[in-house]
Amino acid sequence: MKKYILGLVAAVTLFSCNREESFLDTEPQGTVGADQISDLIANYPEKAVLLLGGAEAGNNNYLIQFSTNGAGAHDDFGYMSVKTGLDHMTNDLVMYSSHWFNSYYMYVARNVENSRDRMVWNFYYKVVYNMNEIVKLMPAETTGDSSHLKGRAMAMRGLAYLDLVRLYAVGEQGIPYYSKGAGEEINVPARMATTEVYANIEKDLVEAYNLLAGYTRDSKESVNQQVVAGFLARFYMTTKDYAKSAQYAKLARTGYSPMNATQLADGFQFISNPEWMWGSDITGSTTTSYASFFSHMSNRNAGYAGLLGVYRLVDNRLYAKISATDLRKNWFNDPTGDFPPTFNVKFYDNTFMQGDYIYMRAAEFYLVEAEALARSGNEAGAKQVLFDLISKRDPAYTLSIKTGAALLEEIRTHKKIEMWGEGLEFFDMKRNNEALVRNYTGTNHASFGRLDIPAGDARFNFMIPQAELDANPEVKNP
C-alpha cells in the first residue's frame, strides 16, 4: 500500500512526471495509508488538507513559506515574492539601489541558470503537485465539504498553470502539464501546446467555480467562488474572450465596495480590509521576518527597504499622470518630507513584519470589467464601471468622455496606478505587447536598471531552468 508522508510541503525539488516522489519530505514525522486519507477526506476534509500539504490557508500554507527553492535567499518567501519579483520587471517600479530582487530589475532572473528562474518554476509546480495530491484522493462523487475542498484545489492548480504559461510559454510552445483526478491522470513532461494548456486551465477553473457554489469560507485565506471568478476574469482577459472576462469580473467584485480614504491609507497590511478578497493572515508564528514583502516593499519599515535604503519608488511618468486631487497620489509622497515625490509609502506594516499579504482585491475587477467592456464594444458600460471606482479615489473625477484607444489607455493608466506593487503589471505588459522603456529623459530609474527592451522581445519570457532541462530530456528552450 502506498504511503503518504506527513508534512508534504517541507521539501522542494524540480518536478517531472517520473520523479514526483522527490517532493516528499525526506524527514517524515510519520506515515498514513492512502485508504486512510481517502476516508479522512470523505469525513474530515479540512484535516486531510493538513496532511496533504495544505491548500492555500493556515500555518501549513505553502504560499507563505520561506526558501521554497531551498537556498535561503531573502527574496524567496512564497507567492508574494514571485509577485514582487515580477513587479521589478516593469516600467512602473523603481529600485533605488541594488540588493535583493535586483536580478528581476536587471532582467537576469528569467535566465536559464539563474536561481530566481528556478525558484519561480519550483514554486508553481510545487503548488500543482500539492493540489494534484488532494484532487487525486477525492472520491469520484463529492458532496458538501469534500466538493468545496476539491474546488479549492482545482482553483489553485488552475491559477498556478495560468501564471506558468503566461511566464514560460513561447507561442504554441507551452509548458509541461500534470493533472490528477478520479480516473484521470495526465502526464506531459514535454511542452504541451499553449492552447491545450489554456483549455485545461479553463476546465479546472470552471469546475472549481461550480464546486464552490454555496461554500462559506472560514477566512479570506481560503479561495471561494468569487476568488475563482477573479481567476476566470484574468484567464478570459488573457485569451481575449472579453465578454466572459467582463462577466466574471463583475461576479468577482459584487458585494465588495471600494476602500474609503482611511482604508486607502492603512498601509495595505490588514486582511480585514473590506476590499480584500483573498490573502494570507501573517502572524508571529508565520512571519518570515526580513525575508518578507514589507521588509522589501515598505520604505518606512525596519527591513531591507527602510533600514538599508533599498527603497522602492514609482516611475516619474506614472506619478505625473496621477491627478493632484487623487487620493492615490499620497501613496507616493513621503509625509516626513525627507524624500522627493515618487517615494513609495503605499505599503506600511505597523507591526514587526506581520503585515498581511494581499493576493486579490476588488478594485482589480472594476478595472478588468471596464477594459473588457471597452474591448467588446460597450464603451458606455466601461465608462460607468470606471467611474464607480475612480470617483472613490478622486473626488474631482468625472465620467470619461474618451473613446476607442484613448479610453483603453485611460483604463490602463488607472490600473497601473491602482495596482502598483501588487504583482499584476508584468502580465499586463506582456498581454498588451508593450515595451520596457526606462532610459528616457528625466528617468528616475537606477542606472543598473535603465533597460530598453522592445515589445515582443524574447526577454519577456522566462526560460525553463537548467536544472529542469538536465532532469527532463523532453523539454528545451527555443
Protein backbone atom coordinates (compact mmCIF):
# COMPACT_ATOMS: atom_id res chain seq x y z
CA MET A 1 0.00 0.00 0.00
CA LYS A 2 1.40 3.37 -0.98
CA LYS A 3 2.29 5.62 1.93
CA TYR A 4 1.83 9.39 2.05
CA ILE A 5 4.28 11.42 4.07
CA LEU A 6 3.08 13.87 6.68
CA GLY A 7 4.20 17.46 6.17
CA LEU A 8 4.31 17.11 2.40
CA VAL A 9 5.33 20.67 1.74
CA ALA A 10 8.68 20.59 3.50
CA ALA A 11 10.93 19.59 0.60
CA VAL A 12 11.05 21.37 -2.76
CA THR A 13 12.72 19.89 -5.83
CA LEU A 14 12.15 20.05 -9.56
CA PHE A 15 9.12 18.36 -10.97
CA SER A 16 8.74 15.90 -13.81
CA CYS A 17 6.37 13.02 -14.26
CA ASN A 18 8.87 10.30 -13.32
CA ARG A 19 10.12 11.92 -10.11
CA GLU A 20 7.09 13.23 -8.28
CA GLU A 21 8.12 11.34 -5.16
CA SER A 22 11.15 13.62 -4.82
CA PHE A 23 8.75 16.20 -3.44
CA LEU A 24 8.12 14.06 -0.37
CA ASP A 25 9.55 15.17 2.93
CA THR A 26 12.83 13.34 3.48
CA GLU A 27 12.41 13.52 7.26
CA PRO A 28 8.79 12.48 7.84
CA GLN A 29 7.16 12.58 11.19
CA GLY A 30 5.01 9.59 10.31
CA THR A 31 3.04 7.88 7.58
CA VAL A 32 -0.59 7.22 6.84
CA GLY A 33 -2.15 4.95 4.26
CA ALA A 34 -3.86 6.23 1.11
CA ASP A 35 -7.09 4.48 2.08
CA GLN A 36 -6.99 6.26 5.45
CA ILE A 37 -6.52 9.62 3.76
CA SER A 38 -9.40 8.91 1.38
CA ASP A 39 -11.59 8.15 4.37
CA LEU A 40 -10.35 11.30 6.10
CA ILE A 41 -11.19 13.38 3.03
CA ALA A 42 -14.67 11.97 2.89
CA ASN A 43 -15.37 12.72 6.55
CA TYR A 44 -12.97 15.46 7.66
CA PRO A 45 -11.70 17.19 4.51
CA GLU A 46 -10.05 20.15 6.26
CA LYS A 47 -7.97 17.80 8.44
CA ALA A 48 -6.94 15.90 5.34
CA VAL A 49 -5.62 19.11 3.83
CA LEU A 50 -3.19 19.49 6.74
CA LEU A 51 -1.74 16.06 5.96
CA LEU A 52 -1.51 16.76 2.25
CA GLY A 53 0.50 19.94 2.50
CA GLY A 54 -2.25 22.48 2.83
CA ALA A 55 -4.28 24.09 0.09
CA GLU A 56 -3.96 27.84 0.42
CA ALA A 57 -4.62 28.63 4.08
CA GLY A 58 -3.36 28.10 7.62
CA ASN A 59 0.06 27.66 9.23
CA ASN A 60 0.87 24.86 6.75
CA ASN A 61 0.22 27.23 3.85
CA TYR A 62 2.86 26.75 1.15
CA LEU A 63 2.07 30.18 -0.31
CA ILE A 64 3.90 31.93 2.54
CA GLN A 65 6.83 29.58 3.14
CA PHE A 66 10.37 30.91 3.25
CA SER A 67 13.00 29.42 0.95
CA THR A 68 10.73 27.47 -1.39
CA ASN A 69 13.84 27.00 -3.55
CA GLY A 70 15.88 25.63 -0.67
CA ALA A 71 18.65 28.23 -0.97
CA GLY A 72 17.70 30.55 1.89
CA ALA A 73 17.51 33.66 -0.30
CA HIS A 74 15.68 36.58 1.27
CA ASP A 75 13.73 37.28 -1.93
CA ASP A 76 12.19 33.80 -1.76
CA PHE A 77 9.17 33.81 0.55
CA GLY A 78 6.41 32.18 -1.45
CA TYR A 79 3.73 33.57 -3.71
CA MET A 80 4.25 37.18 -2.68
CA SER A 81 7.94 37.00 -3.56
CA VAL A 82 7.05 35.90 -7.10
CA LYS A 83 4.53 38.71 -7.47
CA THR A 84 7.05 41.23 -6.11
CA GLY A 85 9.80 39.97 -8.38
CA LEU A 86 7.62 40.35 -11.47
CA ASP A 87 6.77 43.93 -10.50
CA HIS A 88 10.51 44.66 -10.63
CA MET A 89 10.41 43.75 -14.33
CA THR A 90 8.01 46.56 -15.25
CA ASN A 91 8.30 50.20 -16.22
CA ASP A 92 6.47 51.41 -13.12
CA LEU A 93 8.53 50.16 -10.16
CA VAL A 94 11.85 51.89 -9.50
CA MET A 95 14.57 50.20 -7.46
CA TYR A 96 16.62 52.88 -5.71
CA SER A 97 19.70 50.74 -5.05
CA SER A 98 20.86 47.23 -5.84
CA HIS A 99 20.05 44.41 -3.41
CA TRP A 100 17.58 41.51 -3.25
CA PHE A 101 15.27 41.48 -6.32
CA ASN A 102 17.88 43.25 -8.47
CA SER A 103 18.07 40.16 -10.71
CA TYR A 104 14.46 40.79 -11.72
CA TYR A 105 15.03 44.52 -12.16
CA MET A 106 18.02 43.82 -14.41
CA TYR A 107 16.15 41.12 -16.38
CA VAL A 108 18.51 38.29 -15.50
CA ALA A 109 16.07 36.45 -13.20
CA ARG A 110 14.48 34.87 -16.26
CA ASN A 111 17.79 33.34 -17.44
CA VAL A 112 18.18 29.58 -17.65
CA GLU A 113 20.81 29.25 -14.90
CA ASN A 114 19.52 31.95 -12.57
CA SER A 115 18.33 30.74 -9.16
CA ARG A 116 15.28 33.05 -9.29
CA ASP A 117 14.14 31.43 -12.51
CA ARG A 118 14.40 28.06 -10.77
CA MET A 119 12.57 29.44 -7.73
CA VAL A 120 9.60 30.65 -9.80
CA TRP A 121 9.43 27.34 -11.66
CA ASN A 122 9.71 25.25 -8.49
CA PHE A 123 7.21 27.31 -6.58
CA TYR A 124 4.37 26.98 -9.09
CA TYR A 125 4.98 23.32 -9.88
CA LYS A 126 5.03 22.56 -6.17
CA VAL A 127 1.60 24.19 -5.91
CA VAL A 128 0.49 21.99 -8.82
CA TYR A 129 1.87 18.92 -7.09
CA ASN A 130 0.21 19.70 -3.77
CA MET A 131 -3.14 20.28 -5.45
CA ASN A 132 -2.84 17.10 -7.51
CA GLU A 133 -2.26 15.15 -4.30
CA ILE A 134 -5.54 16.48 -2.94
CA VAL A 135 -7.60 16.05 -6.11
CA LYS A 136 -6.43 12.52 -6.89
CA LEU A 137 -7.60 11.24 -3.50
CA MET A 138 -11.06 12.71 -3.85
CA PRO A 139 -13.89 10.22 -4.34
CA ALA A 140 -15.40 10.22 -7.82
CA GLU A 141 -18.59 11.76 -6.44
CA THR A 142 -18.00 14.58 -4.00
CA THR A 143 -20.55 16.40 -1.90
CA GLY A 144 -20.53 19.10 0.74
CA ASP A 145 -17.16 19.90 2.29
CA SER A 146 -15.28 17.45 0.09
CA SER A 147 -16.66 19.19 -3.01
CA HIS A 148 -15.52 22.52 -1.66
CA LEU A 149 -12.05 21.18 -0.89
CA LYS A 150 -11.77 19.75 -4.39
CA GLY A 151 -12.91 23.08 -5.83
CA ARG A 152 -10.27 24.98 -3.87
CA ALA A 153 -7.55 22.58 -5.00
CA MET A 154 -8.59 22.77 -8.65
CA ALA A 155 -8.73 26.56 -8.45
CA MET A 156 -5.20 26.75 -7.10
CA ARG A 157 -3.96 24.33 -9.75
CA GLY A 158 -5.60 26.45 -12.42
CA LEU A 159 -4.02 29.63 -11.04
CA ALA A 160 -0.55 28.03 -10.93
CA TYR A 161 -0.80 26.90 -14.54
CA LEU A 162 -2.18 30.25 -15.67
CA ASP A 163 0.83 32.07 -14.23
CA LEU A 164 3.26 29.44 -15.53
CA VAL A 165 2.00 29.53 -19.10
CA ARG A 166 1.98 33.33 -19.14
CA LEU A 167 5.60 33.35 -17.95
CA TYR A 168 7.19 30.42 -19.78
CA ALA A 169 5.20 29.76 -22.96
CA VAL A 170 6.71 30.85 -26.27
CA GLY A 171 3.97 30.95 -28.86
CA GLU A 172 2.48 27.46 -29.03
CA GLN A 173 5.41 26.01 -27.10
CA GLY A 174 3.68 25.76 -23.76
CA ILE A 175 4.76 24.09 -20.52
CA PRO A 176 4.86 20.57 -19.02
CA TYR A 177 1.42 19.67 -17.75
CA TYR A 178 0.45 17.25 -14.98
CA SER A 179 -3.06 16.64 -13.72
CA LYS A 180 -4.68 14.06 -11.50
CA GLY A 181 -8.22 13.23 -10.54
CA ALA A 182 -10.54 10.32 -10.01
CA GLY A 183 -9.99 8.01 -13.00
CA GLU A 184 -7.83 10.60 -14.79
CA GLU A 185 -4.12 11.19 -14.96
CA ILE A 186 -2.31 13.44 -17.43
CA ASN A 187 1.48 13.48 -17.54
CA VAL A 188 3.03 15.55 -20.32
CA PRO A 189 6.65 16.28 -19.38
CA ALA A 190 7.28 17.88 -22.78
CA ARG A 191 5.95 21.32 -23.67
CA MET A 192 2.20 20.85 -24.08
CA ALA A 193 0.78 23.19 -26.73
CA THR A 194 -0.22 26.51 -25.20
CA THR A 195 -3.80 26.26 -26.44
CA GLU A 196 -4.14 22.84 -24.79
CA VAL A 197 -2.78 24.19 -21.52
CA TYR A 198 -5.32 27.01 -21.66
CA ALA A 199 -8.11 24.51 -22.32
CA ASN A 200 -7.11 22.53 -19.22
CA ILE A 201 -6.89 25.70 -17.13
CA GLU A 202 -10.38 26.73 -18.20
CA LYS A 203 -11.71 23.27 -17.36
CA ASP A 204 -10.18 23.40 -13.88
CA LEU A 205 -11.40 26.90 -13.11
CA VAL A 206 -14.94 26.41 -14.40
CA GLU A 207 -15.30 23.18 -12.43
CA ALA A 208 -13.84 24.85 -9.35
CA TYR A 209 -16.30 27.73 -9.69
CA ASN A 210 -19.21 25.30 -9.82
CA LEU A 211 -17.94 23.16 -6.95
CA LEU A 212 -17.60 26.20 -4.70
CA ALA A 213 -21.22 27.28 -5.08
CA GLY A 214 -22.61 27.76 -1.57
CA TYR A 215 -19.21 27.48 0.11
CA THR A 216 -18.73 29.79 3.10
CA ARG A 217 -15.05 30.02 3.97
CA ASP A 218 -13.65 30.42 7.46
CA SER A 219 -11.35 33.25 6.43
CA LYS A 220 -10.09 35.18 3.42
CA GLU A 221 -7.10 32.85 3.31
CA SER A 222 -9.23 30.28 1.51
CA VAL A 223 -10.34 30.83 -2.05
CA ASN A 224 -14.09 30.91 -2.58
CA GLN A 225 -16.34 31.19 -5.61
CA GLN A 226 -15.75 34.92 -6.03
CA VAL A 227 -11.99 34.49 -5.94
CA VAL A 228 -12.29 31.83 -8.63
CA ALA A 229 -14.44 34.25 -10.61
CA GLY A 230 -11.45 36.59 -10.38
CA PHE A 231 -9.16 33.86 -11.74
CA LEU A 232 -11.59 33.32 -14.60
CA ALA A 233 -11.76 37.05 -15.34
CA ARG A 234 -7.95 37.10 -15.64
CA PHE A 235 -7.97 33.95 -17.74
CA TYR A 236 -10.56 35.20 -20.23
CA MET A 237 -8.81 38.55 -20.50
CA THR A 238 -5.62 36.67 -21.37
CA THR A 239 -7.39 34.56 -24.00
CA LYS A 240 -9.26 37.64 -25.31
CA ASP A 241 -12.76 36.37 -24.55
CA TYR A 242 -13.77 39.82 -23.36
CA ALA A 243 -17.47 39.13 -22.85
CA LYS A 244 -16.69 36.33 -20.38
CA SER A 245 -13.95 38.36 -18.74
CA ALA A 246 -16.41 41.18 -18.05
CA GLN A 247 -18.99 38.69 -16.79
CA TYR A 248 -16.68 37.05 -14.27
CA ALA A 249 -15.04 40.32 -13.23
CA LYS A 250 -18.45 41.63 -12.20
CA LEU A 251 -19.20 38.40 -10.32
CA ALA A 252 -15.86 38.66 -8.56
CA ARG A 253 -16.32 42.22 -7.30
CA THR A 254 -20.02 42.04 -6.46
CA GLY A 255 -20.59 42.81 -2.79
CA TYR A 256 -17.21 44.48 -2.32
CA SER A 257 -17.14 48.27 -2.06
CA PRO A 258 -14.10 50.39 -2.94
CA MET A 259 -12.00 51.42 0.04
CA ASN A 260 -12.65 54.77 1.67
CA ALA A 261 -9.98 57.43 2.25
CA THR A 262 -8.93 55.99 5.62
CA GLN A 263 -8.62 52.47 4.28
CA LEU A 264 -6.61 53.65 1.28
CA ALA A 265 -4.01 54.91 3.74
CA ASP A 266 -3.90 51.87 6.03
CA GLY A 267 -0.63 50.55 4.59
CA PHE A 268 -2.23 47.59 2.78
CA GLN A 269 -1.46 45.43 5.79
CA PHE A 270 -4.84 44.21 7.03
CA ILE A 271 -6.62 41.21 5.56
CA SER A 272 -9.75 42.52 7.28
CA ASN A 273 -9.87 45.44 4.83
CA PRO A 274 -13.33 45.16 3.23
CA GLU A 275 -11.97 45.42 -0.31
CA TRP A 276 -9.57 42.48 0.09
CA MET A 277 -10.85 39.26 -1.46
CA TRP A 278 -8.00 36.84 -0.79
CA GLY A 279 -4.72 36.95 1.09
CA SER A 280 -2.65 35.46 3.89
CA ASP A 281 -3.01 36.43 7.53
CA ILE A 282 0.59 36.83 8.68
CA THR A 283 1.13 36.29 12.41
CA GLY A 284 4.02 35.99 14.81
CA SER A 285 4.20 32.28 14.04
CA THR A 286 4.04 32.62 10.24
CA THR A 287 6.12 35.73 9.60
CA THR A 288 9.36 35.26 7.67
CA SER A 289 10.79 38.42 9.20
CA TYR A 290 13.32 40.21 6.98
CA ALA A 291 12.62 37.80 4.13
CA SER A 292 9.15 39.22 3.63
CA PHE A 293 7.08 41.55 1.47
CA PHE A 294 7.06 44.51 3.87
CA SER A 295 10.78 44.19 4.51
CA HIS A 296 11.40 44.80 0.81
CA MET A 297 8.47 46.96 -0.26
CA SER A 298 7.80 49.22 2.72
CA ASN A 299 10.20 52.16 2.75
CA ARG A 300 9.07 53.05 6.27
CA ASN A 301 9.61 49.61 7.83
CA ALA A 302 12.72 48.34 9.59
CA GLY A 303 13.62 45.94 6.80
CA TYR A 304 15.77 45.94 3.69
CA ALA A 305 13.99 49.00 2.30
CA GLY A 306 13.71 51.10 5.43
CA LEU A 307 16.96 50.16 7.19
CA LEU A 308 19.32 49.67 4.26
CA GLY A 309 17.82 52.25 1.94
CA VAL A 310 16.84 49.80 -0.80
CA TYR A 311 13.83 51.99 -1.49
CA ARG A 312 11.06 51.37 -4.00
CA LEU A 313 9.65 54.33 -5.89
CA VAL A 314 7.07 54.86 -8.58
CA ASP A 315 8.23 55.75 -12.09
CA ASN A 316 8.25 59.51 -12.78
CA ARG A 317 5.97 59.17 -15.81
CA LEU A 318 3.26 57.31 -13.93
CA TYR A 319 3.46 59.67 -10.97
CA ALA A 320 2.94 62.61 -13.30
CA LYS A 321 -0.29 61.04 -14.54
CA ILE A 322 -1.88 60.95 -11.07
CA SER A 323 -4.26 63.85 -10.59
CA ALA A 324 -3.47 66.26 -7.78
CA THR A 325 -6.93 65.55 -6.34
CA ASP A 326 -6.46 61.77 -6.49
CA LEU A 327 -6.04 60.23 -3.01
CA ARG A 328 -3.63 57.71 -4.51
CA LYS A 329 -1.10 60.49 -5.02
CA ASN A 330 -0.50 60.17 -1.29
CA TRP A 331 0.83 56.64 -1.84
CA PHE A 332 3.95 58.23 -3.31
CA ASN A 333 4.52 61.28 -1.13
CA ASP A 334 6.73 60.91 1.92
CA PRO A 335 4.86 62.64 4.79
CA THR A 336 8.13 63.48 6.57
CA GLY A 337 9.40 65.50 3.64
CA ASP A 338 12.76 63.72 3.75
CA PHE A 339 12.35 62.30 0.27
CA PRO A 340 11.12 63.70 -3.03
CA PRO A 341 7.80 62.71 -4.61
CA THR A 342 7.59 59.18 -6.07
CA PHE A 343 8.77 57.70 -2.72
CA ASN A 344 6.52 54.70 -2.02
CA VAL A 345 4.51 54.87 1.20
CA LYS A 346 1.62 52.77 -0.13
CA PHE A 347 2.81 49.78 1.87
CA TYR A 348 3.44 50.03 5.59
CA ASP A 349 3.32 47.49 8.40
CA ASN A 350 2.84 48.88 11.90
CA THR A 351 3.96 45.60 13.49
CA PHE A 352 7.29 43.83 13.06
CA MET A 353 6.85 42.07 9.72
CA GLN A 354 3.37 40.78 10.49
CA GLY A 355 1.58 42.77 7.82
CA ASP A 356 -0.85 40.57 5.89
CA TYR A 357 -0.28 39.60 2.25
CA ILE A 358 -2.75 40.73 -0.37
CA TYR A 359 -3.29 38.42 -3.35
CA MET A 360 -6.55 39.80 -4.71
CA ARG A 361 -8.84 42.75 -4.11
CA ALA A 362 -12.00 44.01 -5.72
CA ALA A 363 -10.54 47.13 -7.36
CA GLU A 364 -8.74 44.92 -9.88
CA PHE A 365 -12.03 43.66 -11.20
CA TYR A 366 -13.63 47.04 -11.64
CA LEU A 367 -10.70 47.74 -13.95
CA VAL A 368 -10.77 44.35 -15.66
CA GLU A 369 -14.50 44.70 -16.24
CA ALA A 370 -14.06 48.21 -17.61
CA GLU A 371 -11.35 47.10 -20.04
CA ALA A 372 -13.28 44.02 -21.12
CA LEU A 373 -16.44 46.04 -21.74
CA ALA A 374 -14.49 48.62 -23.74
CA ARG A 375 -12.82 45.93 -25.84
CA SER A 376 -16.15 44.23 -26.52
CA GLY A 377 -17.83 47.44 -27.73
CA ASN A 378 -19.74 48.51 -24.62
CA GLU A 379 -17.94 51.79 -24.00
CA ALA A 380 -20.80 53.33 -22.03
CA GLY A 381 -20.71 50.43 -19.61
CA ALA A 382 -16.93 50.62 -19.39
CA LYS A 383 -17.02 54.33 -18.52
CA GLN A 384 -19.61 53.77 -15.80
CA VAL A 385 -17.67 50.95 -14.13
CA LEU A 386 -14.50 53.02 -14.29
CA PHE A 387 -16.33 55.97 -12.74
CA ASP A 388 -17.72 53.79 -9.95
CA LEU A 389 -14.17 53.06 -8.82
CA ILE A 390 -12.14 56.16 -9.67
CA SER A 391 -14.68 58.61 -8.25
CA LYS A 392 -13.95 56.94 -4.88
CA ARG A 393 -10.24 57.68 -5.40
CA ASP A 394 -10.51 61.14 -6.88
CA PRO A 395 -13.50 63.30 -5.85
CA ALA A 396 -12.87 65.56 -8.85
CA TYR A 397 -13.08 62.69 -11.35
CA THR A 398 -15.92 62.87 -13.86
CA LEU A 399 -17.37 60.30 -16.21
CA SER A 400 -14.91 59.77 -19.04
CA ILE A 401 -15.68 61.25 -22.46
CA LYS A 402 -12.91 59.32 -24.17
CA THR A 403 -13.49 56.65 -26.79
CA GLY A 404 -11.56 53.92 -28.58
CA ALA A 405 -7.84 53.68 -27.89
CA ALA A 406 -7.93 56.77 -25.65
CA LEU A 407 -10.50 55.14 -23.34
CA LEU A 408 -8.45 51.94 -23.17
CA GLU A 409 -5.39 53.99 -22.31
CA GLU A 410 -7.26 55.77 -19.52
CA ILE A 411 -8.35 52.43 -18.05
CA ARG A 412 -4.82 51.10 -18.43
CA THR A 413 -3.32 54.10 -16.63
CA HIS A 414 -5.72 53.80 -13.71
CA LYS A 415 -4.95 50.10 -13.37
CA LYS A 416 -1.21 50.83 -13.31
CA ILE A 417 -1.78 53.39 -10.54
CA GLU A 418 -4.31 51.39 -8.55
CA MET A 419 -2.50 48.05 -8.58
CA TRP A 420 1.07 49.36 -8.25
CA GLY A 421 3.21 46.89 -6.30
CA GLU A 422 0.54 44.17 -6.19
CA GLY A 423 2.03 41.83 -8.79
CA LEU A 424 -0.19 42.31 -11.84
CA GLU A 425 1.64 44.75 -14.10
CA PHE A 426 4.15 42.39 -15.76
CA PHE A 427 1.35 40.16 -17.02
CA ASP A 428 -0.47 43.22 -18.38
CA MET A 429 2.67 44.41 -20.15
CA LYS A 430 3.02 41.05 -21.87
CA ARG A 431 -0.66 40.81 -22.72
CA ASN A 432 -0.63 44.29 -24.26
CA ASN A 433 2.67 43.64 -26.07
CA GLU A 434 4.32 46.69 -24.53
CA ALA A 435 7.99 47.64 -24.47
CA LEU A 436 10.17 48.23 -21.45
CA VAL A 437 11.40 51.83 -21.59
CA ARG A 438 13.41 53.05 -18.62
CA ASN A 439 16.23 55.01 -20.22
CA TYR A 440 14.37 58.24 -21.03
CA THR A 441 14.98 61.91 -20.38
CA GLY A 442 14.10 62.60 -16.76
CA THR A 443 14.10 58.94 -15.71
CA ASN A 444 14.31 58.13 -12.02
CA HIS A 445 15.27 54.51 -12.63
CA ALA A 446 18.57 53.39 -11.13
CA SER A 447 21.46 53.26 -13.58
CA PHE A 448 21.77 49.46 -13.26
CA GLY A 449 18.16 49.07 -14.38
CA ARG A 450 17.93 51.57 -17.24
CA LEU A 451 16.99 49.00 -19.83
CA ASP A 452 15.05 49.48 -23.04
CA ILE A 453 13.56 46.23 -24.39
CA PRO A 454 11.34 46.31 -27.48
CA ALA A 455 7.82 44.89 -27.39
CA GLY A 456 7.66 41.19 -28.13
CA ASP A 457 11.31 40.60 -27.22
CA ALA A 458 12.25 37.11 -26.02
CA ARG A 459 13.45 38.60 -22.74
CA PHE A 460 9.83 38.96 -21.61
CA ASN A 461 9.65 35.15 -21.45
CA PHE A 462 11.17 33.14 -18.63
CA MET A 463 13.33 30.20 -19.69
CA ILE A 464 12.84 26.68 -18.40
CA PRO A 465 15.62 26.43 -15.77
CA GLN A 466 18.77 24.45 -16.45
CA ALA A 467 18.16 22.02 -13.60
CA GLU A 468 14.86 21.04 -15.21
CA LEU A 469 16.47 20.70 -18.64
CA ASP A 470 19.09 18.42 -17.12
CA ALA A 471 16.50 16.25 -15.36
CA ASN A 472 13.84 16.23 -18.06
CA PRO A 473 15.19 15.49 -21.58
CA GLU A 474 11.77 16.10 -23.11
CA VAL A 475 11.87 19.87 -22.66
CA LYS A 476 14.10 22.52 -24.18
CA ASN A 477 14.16 26.27 -24.60
CA PRO A 478 13.70 27.84 -28.06
